Structure formats: structure tokens, C-alpha cells
């Protein structure tokens, strides 16, 4: 079992070189590419769910199309403080409220909030990541199944110990 506290647990040294990205525009364009190539499962670990990227209208529309493409499509998102995200109007959160069976958002436990990186995993094949969620620099692994599986195991461990982000759920009256 991979230790969710150790970002390098299970490293094999077989990860292909990453493409370096710089700035929100490149990061957003690469996120669009990753979503386009993903068929079934998208996992996003984003402490703050940056609206400049994850609230981008084109990206949110692509996520909507992805979520509705297949009955098996799944988007799982882990965030640190959903209260902060809920205070601002966020397109991705609104989409998740409309599609709660396809897009689920959970809050990382208090003990795990020291993880400040951001990463997106597409179908256990591609990875987009930043060492810190607020960094301008990022790495894109176009085809890195071993790295994607390693991060997915860590994501799953964090997901299993997290709780639904009730602040971001749809309010029904």
C-alpha cells in the first residue's frame, strides 16, 4: 500500500520526462487536452480549485460533455476548504451541483491539508501536475501510466478518508 503522506512512495524511476509548462494559459490549455483524451475517469486534487483554470468556461463545458458522454464517466475532485470555494461563484461547482452522480467533490481531512500540490489524472494514463497549487510552473505527462497509477493510488487513499464537501452540494428545498 502506498503511504498517502509520502509523495514519492512507490516511485519506480520509469516515469517518462515531463513537458514543462508555464503560466495559467498553458496549464488551462493542457488541462483541456487532458480532458479531451480522457474517456472514463478524471481525478483532480486541487486545494483551492483555482477559478482561472477550473472555472474557465471552455474547460467547464468540456467537463460537462465528458461527464455526460458515458454512464460510466466519473469526475472526482478533492479540495482543502470547500467553504472558501463556496463563497465565490464557481462554474465547476455549479456543474457539479447539476450532475452530482457524475461529479463528486470531497474535502481532504485536516491532517492531509499539508499537501499543497495540484494534479489531474486522466484514465490512469496522463498526468498534469504542479508542485504547489499556486505555482506558475507545471509538468505534463502525456503518456505516463506508471506515474498516473502511482498518483491514483495516493488520490484513492485520500478520497477514502475524505468526506463529501457539503458546502458545495446542491441545496434542495
N, C-alpha and C. Protein backbone atom coordinates (compact mmCIF):
# COMPACT_ATOMS: atom_id res chain seq x y z
N UNK A 1 0.84 -1.18 0.00
CA UNK A 1 0.00 0.00 0.00
C UNK A 1 0.88 1.24 0.00
N UNK A 2 0.49 2.24 -0.78
CA UNK A 2 1.24 3.48 -0.88
C UNK A 2 0.83 4.39 0.27
N UNK A 3 1.82 4.97 0.92
CA UNK A 3 1.56 5.89 2.02
C UNK A 3 1.11 7.23 1.44
N UNK A 4 -0.12 7.64 1.75
CA UNK A 4 -0.67 8.88 1.21
C UNK A 4 0.10 10.10 1.69
N UNK A 5 0.89 9.97 2.72
CA UNK A 5 1.66 11.11 3.22
C UNK A 5 2.97 11.29 2.49
N UNK A 6 3.41 10.27 1.77
CA UNK A 6 4.70 10.32 1.10
C UNK A 6 4.51 10.53 -0.39
N UNK A 7 4.79 11.75 -0.91
CA UNK A 7 4.55 12.00 -2.32
C UNK A 7 5.40 11.16 -3.26
N UNK A 8 6.48 10.58 -2.79
CA UNK A 8 7.34 9.78 -3.66
C UNK A 8 7.27 8.28 -3.37
N UNK A 9 6.31 7.87 -2.54
CA UNK A 9 6.19 6.44 -2.22
C UNK A 9 5.90 5.65 -3.48
N UNK A 10 6.58 4.55 -3.65
CA UNK A 10 6.33 3.67 -4.79
C UNK A 10 6.98 4.13 -6.08
N UNK A 11 7.79 5.14 -6.04
CA UNK A 11 8.46 5.64 -7.25
C UNK A 11 9.34 4.57 -7.85
N UNK A 12 9.24 4.41 -9.15
CA UNK A 12 10.00 3.36 -9.81
C UNK A 12 11.12 3.89 -10.68
N UNK A 13 11.12 5.18 -10.97
CA UNK A 13 12.14 5.73 -11.84
C UNK A 13 11.84 5.53 -13.32
N UNK A 14 10.69 4.98 -13.66
CA UNK A 14 10.35 4.71 -15.05
C UNK A 14 9.42 5.75 -15.65
N UNK A 15 9.20 6.85 -14.96
CA UNK A 15 8.32 7.89 -15.46
C UNK A 15 9.01 8.62 -16.61
N UNK A 16 8.34 8.76 -17.74
CA UNK A 16 8.96 9.48 -18.86
C UNK A 16 9.14 10.95 -18.52
N UNK A 17 10.00 11.64 -19.27
CA UNK A 17 10.20 13.06 -18.99
C UNK A 17 8.91 13.85 -19.19
N UNK A 18 8.77 14.87 -18.39
CA UNK A 18 7.58 15.72 -18.47
C UNK A 18 7.84 16.89 -19.41
N UNK A 19 6.75 17.41 -19.96
CA UNK A 19 6.81 18.66 -20.70
C UNK A 19 6.58 19.78 -19.70
N UNK A 20 7.48 20.74 -19.66
CA UNK A 20 7.35 21.86 -18.73
C UNK A 20 6.35 22.87 -19.27
N UNK A 21 5.50 23.36 -18.38
CA UNK A 21 4.50 24.37 -18.73
C UNK A 21 4.72 25.58 -17.84
N UNK A 22 4.34 26.75 -18.33
CA UNK A 22 4.46 27.93 -17.51
C UNK A 22 3.24 28.83 -17.72
N UNK A 23 2.63 29.21 -16.63
CA UNK A 23 1.51 30.14 -16.67
C UNK A 23 0.15 29.46 -16.73
N UNK A 24 -0.86 30.25 -16.37
CA UNK A 24 -2.23 29.72 -16.32
C UNK A 24 -2.76 29.36 -17.70
N UNK A 25 -2.37 30.12 -18.72
CA UNK A 25 -2.88 29.84 -20.06
C UNK A 25 -2.41 28.47 -20.56
N UNK A 26 -1.11 28.19 -20.42
CA UNK A 26 -0.59 26.88 -20.84
C UNK A 26 -1.19 25.76 -20.00
N UNK A 27 -1.33 25.99 -18.71
CA UNK A 27 -1.89 24.99 -17.81
C UNK A 27 -3.34 24.69 -18.21
N UNK A 28 -4.11 25.74 -18.46
CA UNK A 28 -5.51 25.56 -18.85
C UNK A 28 -5.62 24.83 -20.19
N UNK A 29 -4.80 25.21 -21.17
CA UNK A 29 -4.82 24.54 -22.47
C UNK A 29 -4.47 23.06 -22.34
N UNK A 30 -3.52 22.76 -21.48
CA UNK A 30 -3.13 21.36 -21.29
C UNK A 30 -4.21 20.59 -20.53
N UNK A 31 -4.86 21.24 -19.59
CA UNK A 31 -5.99 20.61 -18.89
C UNK A 31 -7.09 20.28 -19.90
N UNK A 32 -7.36 21.18 -20.82
CA UNK A 32 -8.34 20.92 -21.88
C UNK A 32 -7.94 19.69 -22.70
N UNK A 33 -6.66 19.61 -23.03
CA UNK A 33 -6.15 18.46 -23.80
C UNK A 33 -6.33 17.16 -23.00
N UNK A 34 -6.00 17.20 -21.72
CA UNK A 34 -6.13 16.01 -20.87
C UNK A 34 -7.59 15.55 -20.80
N UNK A 35 -8.50 16.48 -20.60
CA UNK A 35 -9.92 16.13 -20.51
C UNK A 35 -10.40 15.54 -21.83
N UNK A 36 -9.97 16.11 -22.95
CA UNK A 36 -10.36 15.61 -24.27
C UNK A 36 -9.92 14.17 -24.47
N UNK A 37 -8.75 13.82 -23.96
CA UNK A 37 -8.20 12.47 -24.13
C UNK A 37 -8.72 11.46 -23.11
N UNK A 38 -9.37 11.94 -22.07
CA UNK A 38 -9.86 11.05 -21.01
C UNK A 38 -11.22 10.48 -21.41
N UNK A 39 -11.40 9.18 -21.15
CA UNK A 39 -12.64 8.52 -21.55
C UNK A 39 -13.55 8.16 -20.38
N UNK A 40 -12.98 7.71 -19.25
CA UNK A 40 -13.83 7.22 -18.17
C UNK A 40 -13.65 7.92 -16.83
N UNK A 41 -12.43 8.18 -16.43
CA UNK A 41 -12.23 8.67 -15.06
C UNK A 41 -11.22 9.81 -15.03
N UNK A 42 -11.65 10.88 -14.38
CA UNK A 42 -10.80 12.05 -14.18
C UNK A 42 -10.73 12.31 -12.68
N UNK A 43 -9.53 12.37 -12.14
CA UNK A 43 -9.32 12.66 -10.72
C UNK A 43 -8.54 13.96 -10.60
N UNK A 44 -9.06 14.88 -9.80
CA UNK A 44 -8.43 16.19 -9.62
C UNK A 44 -8.20 16.44 -8.14
N UNK A 45 -6.94 16.68 -7.77
CA UNK A 45 -6.59 17.11 -6.42
C UNK A 45 -6.20 18.57 -6.55
N UNK A 46 -7.02 19.46 -6.01
CA UNK A 46 -6.78 20.90 -6.14
C UNK A 46 -7.17 21.59 -4.84
N UNK A 47 -6.19 21.96 -4.03
CA UNK A 47 -6.51 22.56 -2.73
C UNK A 47 -7.49 23.72 -2.81
N UNK A 48 -7.33 24.60 -3.78
CA UNK A 48 -8.16 25.81 -3.85
C UNK A 48 -9.11 25.86 -5.04
N UNK A 49 -9.00 24.95 -5.98
CA UNK A 49 -9.83 24.91 -7.18
C UNK A 49 -9.83 26.27 -7.89
N UNK A 50 -8.65 26.67 -8.31
CA UNK A 50 -8.41 27.98 -8.92
C UNK A 50 -9.43 28.27 -10.02
N UNK A 51 -10.19 29.34 -9.85
CA UNK A 51 -11.25 29.70 -10.81
C UNK A 51 -10.69 30.08 -12.17
N UNK A 52 -9.45 30.58 -12.22
CA UNK A 52 -8.87 30.97 -13.51
C UNK A 52 -8.71 29.75 -14.41
N UNK A 53 -8.50 28.60 -13.80
CA UNK A 53 -8.34 27.36 -14.57
C UNK A 53 -9.64 26.57 -14.54
N UNK A 54 -10.06 26.16 -13.37
CA UNK A 54 -11.18 25.23 -13.22
C UNK A 54 -12.55 25.89 -13.35
N UNK A 55 -12.57 27.21 -13.48
CA UNK A 55 -13.80 27.93 -13.76
C UNK A 55 -13.85 28.46 -15.19
N UNK A 56 -12.83 28.14 -15.98
CA UNK A 56 -12.76 28.57 -17.39
C UNK A 56 -13.97 28.00 -18.14
N UNK A 57 -14.75 28.85 -18.82
CA UNK A 57 -15.99 28.38 -19.47
C UNK A 57 -15.77 27.20 -20.43
N UNK A 58 -14.73 27.24 -21.24
CA UNK A 58 -14.47 26.15 -22.17
C UNK A 58 -14.12 24.86 -21.46
N UNK A 59 -13.38 24.97 -20.38
CA UNK A 59 -12.99 23.79 -19.61
C UNK A 59 -14.21 23.18 -18.92
N UNK A 60 -15.05 24.02 -18.34
CA UNK A 60 -16.25 23.53 -17.65
C UNK A 60 -17.19 22.86 -18.66
N UNK A 61 -17.32 23.45 -19.84
CA UNK A 61 -18.17 22.84 -20.87
C UNK A 61 -17.62 21.49 -21.31
N UNK A 62 -16.31 21.39 -21.43
CA UNK A 62 -15.68 20.12 -21.79
C UNK A 62 -15.89 19.08 -20.69
N UNK A 63 -15.81 19.50 -19.44
CA UNK A 63 -16.08 18.58 -18.32
C UNK A 63 -17.54 18.12 -18.34
N UNK A 64 -18.46 19.03 -18.66
CA UNK A 64 -19.87 18.66 -18.76
C UNK A 64 -20.07 17.60 -19.84
N UNK A 65 -19.48 17.84 -21.01
CA UNK A 65 -19.59 16.88 -22.11
C UNK A 65 -18.97 15.54 -21.72
N UNK A 66 -17.82 15.58 -21.05
CA UNK A 66 -17.17 14.35 -20.58
C UNK A 66 -18.08 13.59 -19.63
N UNK A 67 -18.65 14.30 -18.65
CA UNK A 67 -19.49 13.66 -17.64
C UNK A 67 -20.73 13.01 -18.25
N UNK A 68 -21.24 13.60 -19.31
CA UNK A 68 -22.46 13.08 -19.93
C UNK A 68 -22.20 12.10 -21.08
N UNK A 69 -20.96 11.95 -21.48
CA UNK A 69 -20.59 11.10 -22.62
C UNK A 69 -20.92 9.63 -22.38
N UNK A 70 -20.74 9.17 -21.15
CA UNK A 70 -20.92 7.75 -20.84
C UNK A 70 -21.52 7.60 -19.45
N UNK A 71 -22.32 6.56 -19.29
CA UNK A 71 -22.88 6.29 -17.96
C UNK A 71 -21.79 5.93 -16.96
N UNK A 72 -20.62 5.57 -17.46
CA UNK A 72 -19.52 5.17 -16.59
C UNK A 72 -18.52 6.29 -16.33
N UNK A 73 -18.72 7.44 -16.96
CA UNK A 73 -17.81 8.58 -16.77
C UNK A 73 -17.89 9.07 -15.33
N UNK A 74 -16.73 9.42 -14.79
CA UNK A 74 -16.68 9.84 -13.39
C UNK A 74 -15.63 10.94 -13.23
N UNK A 75 -16.01 11.98 -12.50
CA UNK A 75 -15.08 13.06 -12.14
C UNK A 75 -15.08 13.14 -10.62
N UNK A 76 -13.90 12.97 -10.04
CA UNK A 76 -13.76 13.08 -8.58
C UNK A 76 -12.78 14.20 -8.28
N UNK A 77 -13.16 15.06 -7.35
CA UNK A 77 -12.37 16.24 -7.02
C UNK A 77 -12.15 16.29 -5.52
N UNK A 78 -10.91 16.50 -5.12
CA UNK A 78 -10.55 16.70 -3.72
C UNK A 78 -10.09 18.14 -3.53
N UNK A 79 -10.63 18.81 -2.51
CA UNK A 79 -10.26 20.19 -2.19
C UNK A 79 -9.94 20.30 -0.70
N UNK A 80 -9.28 21.39 -0.33
CA UNK A 80 -8.95 21.60 1.08
C UNK A 80 -10.09 22.24 1.85
N UNK A 81 -10.54 23.40 1.42
CA UNK A 81 -11.53 24.16 2.18
C UNK A 81 -12.72 24.53 1.29
N UNK A 82 -13.72 23.68 1.26
CA UNK A 82 -14.87 23.96 0.38
C UNK A 82 -15.61 25.24 0.78
N UNK A 83 -15.50 25.65 2.04
CA UNK A 83 -16.18 26.87 2.48
C UNK A 83 -15.70 28.07 1.66
N UNK A 84 -14.40 28.16 1.43
CA UNK A 84 -13.84 29.27 0.64
C UNK A 84 -14.33 29.20 -0.80
N UNK A 85 -14.35 28.01 -1.35
CA UNK A 85 -14.77 27.83 -2.74
C UNK A 85 -16.25 28.18 -2.89
N UNK A 86 -17.06 27.82 -1.88
CA UNK A 86 -18.50 28.07 -1.92
C UNK A 86 -18.83 29.56 -1.86
N UNK A 87 -17.95 30.35 -1.28
CA UNK A 87 -18.22 31.79 -1.13
C UNK A 87 -18.20 32.52 -2.47
N UNK A 88 -17.47 32.00 -3.42
CA UNK A 88 -17.38 32.64 -4.74
C UNK A 88 -18.15 31.80 -5.75
N UNK A 89 -18.79 32.46 -6.66
CA UNK A 89 -19.49 31.72 -7.71
C UNK A 89 -18.45 30.99 -8.56
N UNK A 90 -18.60 29.70 -8.69
CA UNK A 90 -17.61 28.88 -9.39
C UNK A 90 -18.34 27.99 -10.39
N UNK A 91 -18.00 28.12 -11.66
CA UNK A 91 -18.70 27.37 -12.71
C UNK A 91 -18.61 25.85 -12.52
N UNK A 92 -17.46 25.37 -12.12
CA UNK A 92 -17.30 23.92 -11.94
C UNK A 92 -18.17 23.42 -10.78
N UNK A 93 -18.26 24.20 -9.72
CA UNK A 93 -19.11 23.82 -8.59
C UNK A 93 -20.57 23.79 -9.02
N UNK A 94 -20.98 24.79 -9.81
CA UNK A 94 -22.36 24.81 -10.31
C UNK A 94 -22.63 23.57 -11.18
N UNK A 95 -21.67 23.20 -12.00
CA UNK A 95 -21.83 21.99 -12.82
C UNK A 95 -21.94 20.75 -11.93
N UNK A 96 -21.10 20.66 -10.92
CA UNK A 96 -21.15 19.52 -10.00
C UNK A 96 -22.49 19.45 -9.29
N UNK A 97 -23.07 20.58 -8.98
CA UNK A 97 -24.40 20.60 -8.34
C UNK A 97 -25.47 20.07 -9.29
N UNK A 98 -25.31 20.33 -10.58
CA UNK A 98 -26.29 19.84 -11.56
C UNK A 98 -26.09 18.37 -11.91
N UNK A 99 -24.86 17.87 -11.73
CA UNK A 99 -24.54 16.48 -12.08
C UNK A 99 -23.90 15.75 -10.89
N UNK A 100 -24.59 15.66 -9.75
CA UNK A 100 -23.96 15.10 -8.55
C UNK A 100 -23.61 13.62 -8.64
N UNK A 101 -24.23 12.89 -9.54
CA UNK A 101 -23.87 11.47 -9.67
C UNK A 101 -22.64 11.28 -10.55
N UNK A 102 -22.25 12.30 -11.30
CA UNK A 102 -21.11 12.20 -12.20
C UNK A 102 -19.89 12.97 -11.71
N UNK A 103 -20.14 14.05 -10.96
CA UNK A 103 -19.05 14.90 -10.47
C UNK A 103 -19.19 14.99 -8.96
N UNK A 104 -18.22 14.41 -8.27
CA UNK A 104 -18.27 14.40 -6.81
C UNK A 104 -17.08 15.19 -6.26
N UNK A 105 -17.36 15.99 -5.25
CA UNK A 105 -16.32 16.81 -4.62
C UNK A 105 -16.27 16.45 -3.14
N UNK A 106 -15.05 16.19 -2.67
CA UNK A 106 -14.85 15.88 -1.26
C UNK A 106 -13.81 16.80 -0.65
N UNK A 107 -13.89 16.90 0.67
CA UNK A 107 -12.96 17.72 1.43
C UNK A 107 -11.87 16.84 2.04
N UNK A 108 -10.63 17.22 1.77
CA UNK A 108 -9.48 16.49 2.33
C UNK A 108 -9.49 16.67 3.84
N UNK A 109 -9.15 15.62 4.56
CA UNK A 109 -9.11 15.71 6.02
C UNK A 109 -8.09 16.74 6.48
N UNK A 110 -8.31 17.29 7.64
CA UNK A 110 -7.43 18.32 8.21
C UNK A 110 -5.97 17.87 8.24
N UNK A 111 -5.74 16.60 8.56
CA UNK A 111 -4.38 16.08 8.66
C UNK A 111 -3.66 16.06 7.31
N UNK A 112 -4.39 16.07 6.23
CA UNK A 112 -3.79 15.97 4.89
C UNK A 112 -3.68 17.32 4.18
N UNK A 113 -4.02 18.38 4.86
CA UNK A 113 -4.00 19.70 4.21
C UNK A 113 -2.60 20.26 4.01
N UNK A 114 -1.61 19.52 4.45
CA UNK A 114 -0.23 19.96 4.19
C UNK A 114 0.16 19.66 2.74
N UNK A 115 -0.62 18.85 2.03
CA UNK A 115 -0.37 18.58 0.62
C UNK A 115 -0.84 19.79 -0.18
N UNK A 116 0.09 20.51 -0.76
CA UNK A 116 -0.24 21.74 -1.47
C UNK A 116 -0.14 21.60 -2.99
N UNK A 117 0.23 20.42 -3.45
CA UNK A 117 0.34 20.23 -4.89
C UNK A 117 -1.04 20.19 -5.53
N UNK A 118 -1.06 20.25 -6.84
CA UNK A 118 -2.29 20.06 -7.60
C UNK A 118 -1.97 19.08 -8.71
N UNK A 119 -2.86 18.12 -8.92
CA UNK A 119 -2.65 17.20 -10.03
C UNK A 119 -3.98 16.71 -10.58
N UNK A 120 -3.93 16.36 -11.85
CA UNK A 120 -5.09 15.81 -12.55
C UNK A 120 -4.63 14.53 -13.21
N UNK A 121 -5.42 13.48 -13.07
CA UNK A 121 -5.11 12.18 -13.66
C UNK A 121 -6.23 11.82 -14.62
N UNK A 122 -5.87 11.50 -15.84
CA UNK A 122 -6.85 11.08 -16.83
C UNK A 122 -6.69 9.61 -17.17
N UNK A 123 -7.68 8.81 -16.80
CA UNK A 123 -7.71 7.37 -17.14
C UNK A 123 -6.44 6.61 -16.79
N UNK A 124 -5.77 6.98 -15.76
CA UNK A 124 -4.53 6.30 -15.36
C UNK A 124 -3.51 6.27 -16.50
N UNK A 125 -3.53 7.30 -17.34
CA UNK A 125 -2.57 7.39 -18.44
C UNK A 125 -1.81 8.71 -18.44
N UNK A 126 -2.53 9.80 -18.31
CA UNK A 126 -1.93 11.13 -18.41
C UNK A 126 -2.00 11.84 -17.06
N UNK A 127 -1.00 12.70 -16.82
CA UNK A 127 -0.93 13.45 -15.57
C UNK A 127 -0.53 14.89 -15.86
N UNK A 128 -1.23 15.80 -15.23
CA UNK A 128 -0.88 17.21 -15.24
C UNK A 128 -0.71 17.60 -13.78
N UNK A 129 0.45 18.19 -13.44
CA UNK A 129 0.67 18.47 -12.02
C UNK A 129 1.51 19.70 -11.79
N UNK A 130 1.26 20.28 -10.62
CA UNK A 130 2.06 21.40 -10.10
C UNK A 130 2.58 20.97 -8.74
N UNK A 131 3.78 21.37 -8.42
CA UNK A 131 4.32 21.04 -7.09
C UNK A 131 3.53 21.75 -5.99
N UNK A 132 3.10 22.97 -6.28
CA UNK A 132 2.20 23.72 -5.39
C UNK A 132 1.05 24.21 -6.25
N UNK A 133 -0.15 24.20 -5.68
CA UNK A 133 -1.32 24.57 -6.46
C UNK A 133 -1.25 26.00 -7.00
N UNK A 134 -0.49 26.88 -6.35
CA UNK A 134 -0.40 28.26 -6.78
C UNK A 134 0.85 28.56 -7.62
N UNK A 135 1.60 27.53 -7.97
CA UNK A 135 2.78 27.71 -8.83
C UNK A 135 2.36 28.09 -10.25
N UNK A 136 3.23 28.83 -10.91
CA UNK A 136 3.02 29.13 -12.33
C UNK A 136 3.56 28.00 -13.19
N UNK A 137 4.49 27.22 -12.65
CA UNK A 137 5.10 26.12 -13.40
C UNK A 137 4.35 24.81 -13.16
N UNK A 138 4.28 24.01 -14.21
CA UNK A 138 3.60 22.72 -14.12
C UNK A 138 4.32 21.71 -15.00
N UNK A 139 3.98 20.43 -14.81
CA UNK A 139 4.54 19.36 -15.62
C UNK A 139 3.39 18.58 -16.26
N UNK A 140 3.58 18.24 -17.53
CA UNK A 140 2.59 17.48 -18.29
C UNK A 140 3.21 16.16 -18.72
N UNK A 141 2.59 15.07 -18.28
CA UNK A 141 3.00 13.72 -18.67
C UNK A 141 1.91 13.20 -19.61
N UNK A 142 2.17 13.26 -20.89
CA UNK A 142 1.20 12.89 -21.90
C UNK A 142 0.83 11.40 -21.84
N UNK A 143 1.82 10.57 -21.62
CA UNK A 143 1.59 9.12 -21.53
C UNK A 143 2.53 8.56 -20.47
N UNK A 144 2.02 8.48 -19.25
CA UNK A 144 2.83 8.02 -18.11
C UNK A 144 1.97 7.13 -17.22
N UNK A 145 1.63 5.93 -17.70
CA UNK A 145 0.73 5.07 -16.93
C UNK A 145 1.24 4.72 -15.54
N UNK A 146 2.55 4.53 -15.38
CA UNK A 146 3.06 4.18 -14.05
C UNK A 146 2.92 5.36 -13.08
N UNK A 147 3.25 6.54 -13.54
CA UNK A 147 3.10 7.74 -12.71
C UNK A 147 1.62 8.00 -12.42
N UNK A 148 0.78 7.81 -13.41
CA UNK A 148 -0.66 8.01 -13.23
C UNK A 148 -1.22 7.03 -12.21
N UNK A 149 -0.81 5.77 -12.29
CA UNK A 149 -1.30 4.77 -11.32
C UNK A 149 -0.79 5.07 -9.92
N UNK A 150 0.46 5.52 -9.81
CA UNK A 150 1.02 5.87 -8.50
C UNK A 150 0.23 7.02 -7.87
N UNK A 151 -0.01 8.05 -8.65
CA UNK A 151 -0.78 9.18 -8.13
C UNK A 151 -2.23 8.78 -7.87
N UNK A 152 -2.77 7.91 -8.69
CA UNK A 152 -4.15 7.46 -8.50
C UNK A 152 -4.29 6.69 -7.18
N UNK A 153 -3.30 5.86 -6.84
CA UNK A 153 -3.36 5.15 -5.56
C UNK A 153 -3.36 6.15 -4.40
N UNK A 154 -2.52 7.17 -4.52
CA UNK A 154 -2.48 8.19 -3.47
C UNK A 154 -3.80 8.96 -3.42
N UNK A 155 -4.32 9.31 -4.59
CA UNK A 155 -5.60 10.01 -4.65
C UNK A 155 -6.70 9.16 -4.01
N UNK A 156 -6.75 7.88 -4.36
CA UNK A 156 -7.77 6.99 -3.80
C UNK A 156 -7.68 6.89 -2.29
N UNK A 157 -6.46 6.84 -1.75
CA UNK A 157 -6.29 6.78 -0.30
C UNK A 157 -6.83 8.05 0.35
N UNK A 158 -6.53 9.19 -0.24
CA UNK A 158 -7.05 10.46 0.28
C UNK A 158 -8.57 10.53 0.13
N UNK A 159 -9.08 10.05 -0.99
CA UNK A 159 -10.52 10.05 -1.24
C UNK A 159 -11.24 9.20 -0.19
N UNK A 160 -10.70 8.05 0.10
CA UNK A 160 -11.33 7.13 1.05
C UNK A 160 -11.43 7.71 2.46
N UNK A 161 -10.50 8.58 2.82
CA UNK A 161 -10.54 9.16 4.16
C UNK A 161 -11.16 10.56 4.18
N UNK A 162 -11.66 11.01 3.06
CA UNK A 162 -12.27 12.34 2.99
C UNK A 162 -13.79 12.24 3.11
N UNK A 163 -14.41 13.39 3.31
CA UNK A 163 -15.87 13.46 3.44
C UNK A 163 -16.44 14.31 2.31
N UNK A 164 -17.70 14.07 1.93
CA UNK A 164 -18.31 14.91 0.90
C UNK A 164 -18.27 16.38 1.32
N UNK A 165 -18.01 17.24 0.36
CA UNK A 165 -17.96 18.69 0.62
C UNK A 165 -19.39 19.22 0.59
N UNK A 166 -20.04 19.17 1.72
CA UNK A 166 -21.46 19.54 1.81
C UNK A 166 -21.71 21.00 1.41
N UNK A 167 -20.73 21.86 1.65
CA UNK A 167 -20.88 23.27 1.29
C UNK A 167 -21.01 23.46 -0.21
N UNK A 168 -20.53 22.48 -0.97
CA UNK A 168 -20.55 22.58 -2.42
C UNK A 168 -21.67 21.76 -3.06
N UNK A 169 -22.44 21.07 -2.23
CA UNK A 169 -23.54 20.25 -2.75
C UNK A 169 -24.75 21.14 -3.06
N UNK A 170 -25.63 20.61 -3.88
CA UNK A 170 -26.84 21.35 -4.24
C UNK A 170 -27.73 21.48 -3.01
N UNK A 171 -28.28 22.68 -2.83
CA UNK A 171 -29.22 22.91 -1.74
C UNK A 171 -30.62 22.65 -2.29
N UNK A 172 -31.30 21.68 -1.72
CA UNK A 172 -32.65 21.34 -2.19
C UNK A 172 -33.67 21.76 -1.14
N UNK A 173 -34.73 22.37 -1.62
CA UNK A 173 -35.79 22.84 -0.70
C UNK A 173 -37.07 22.14 -1.04
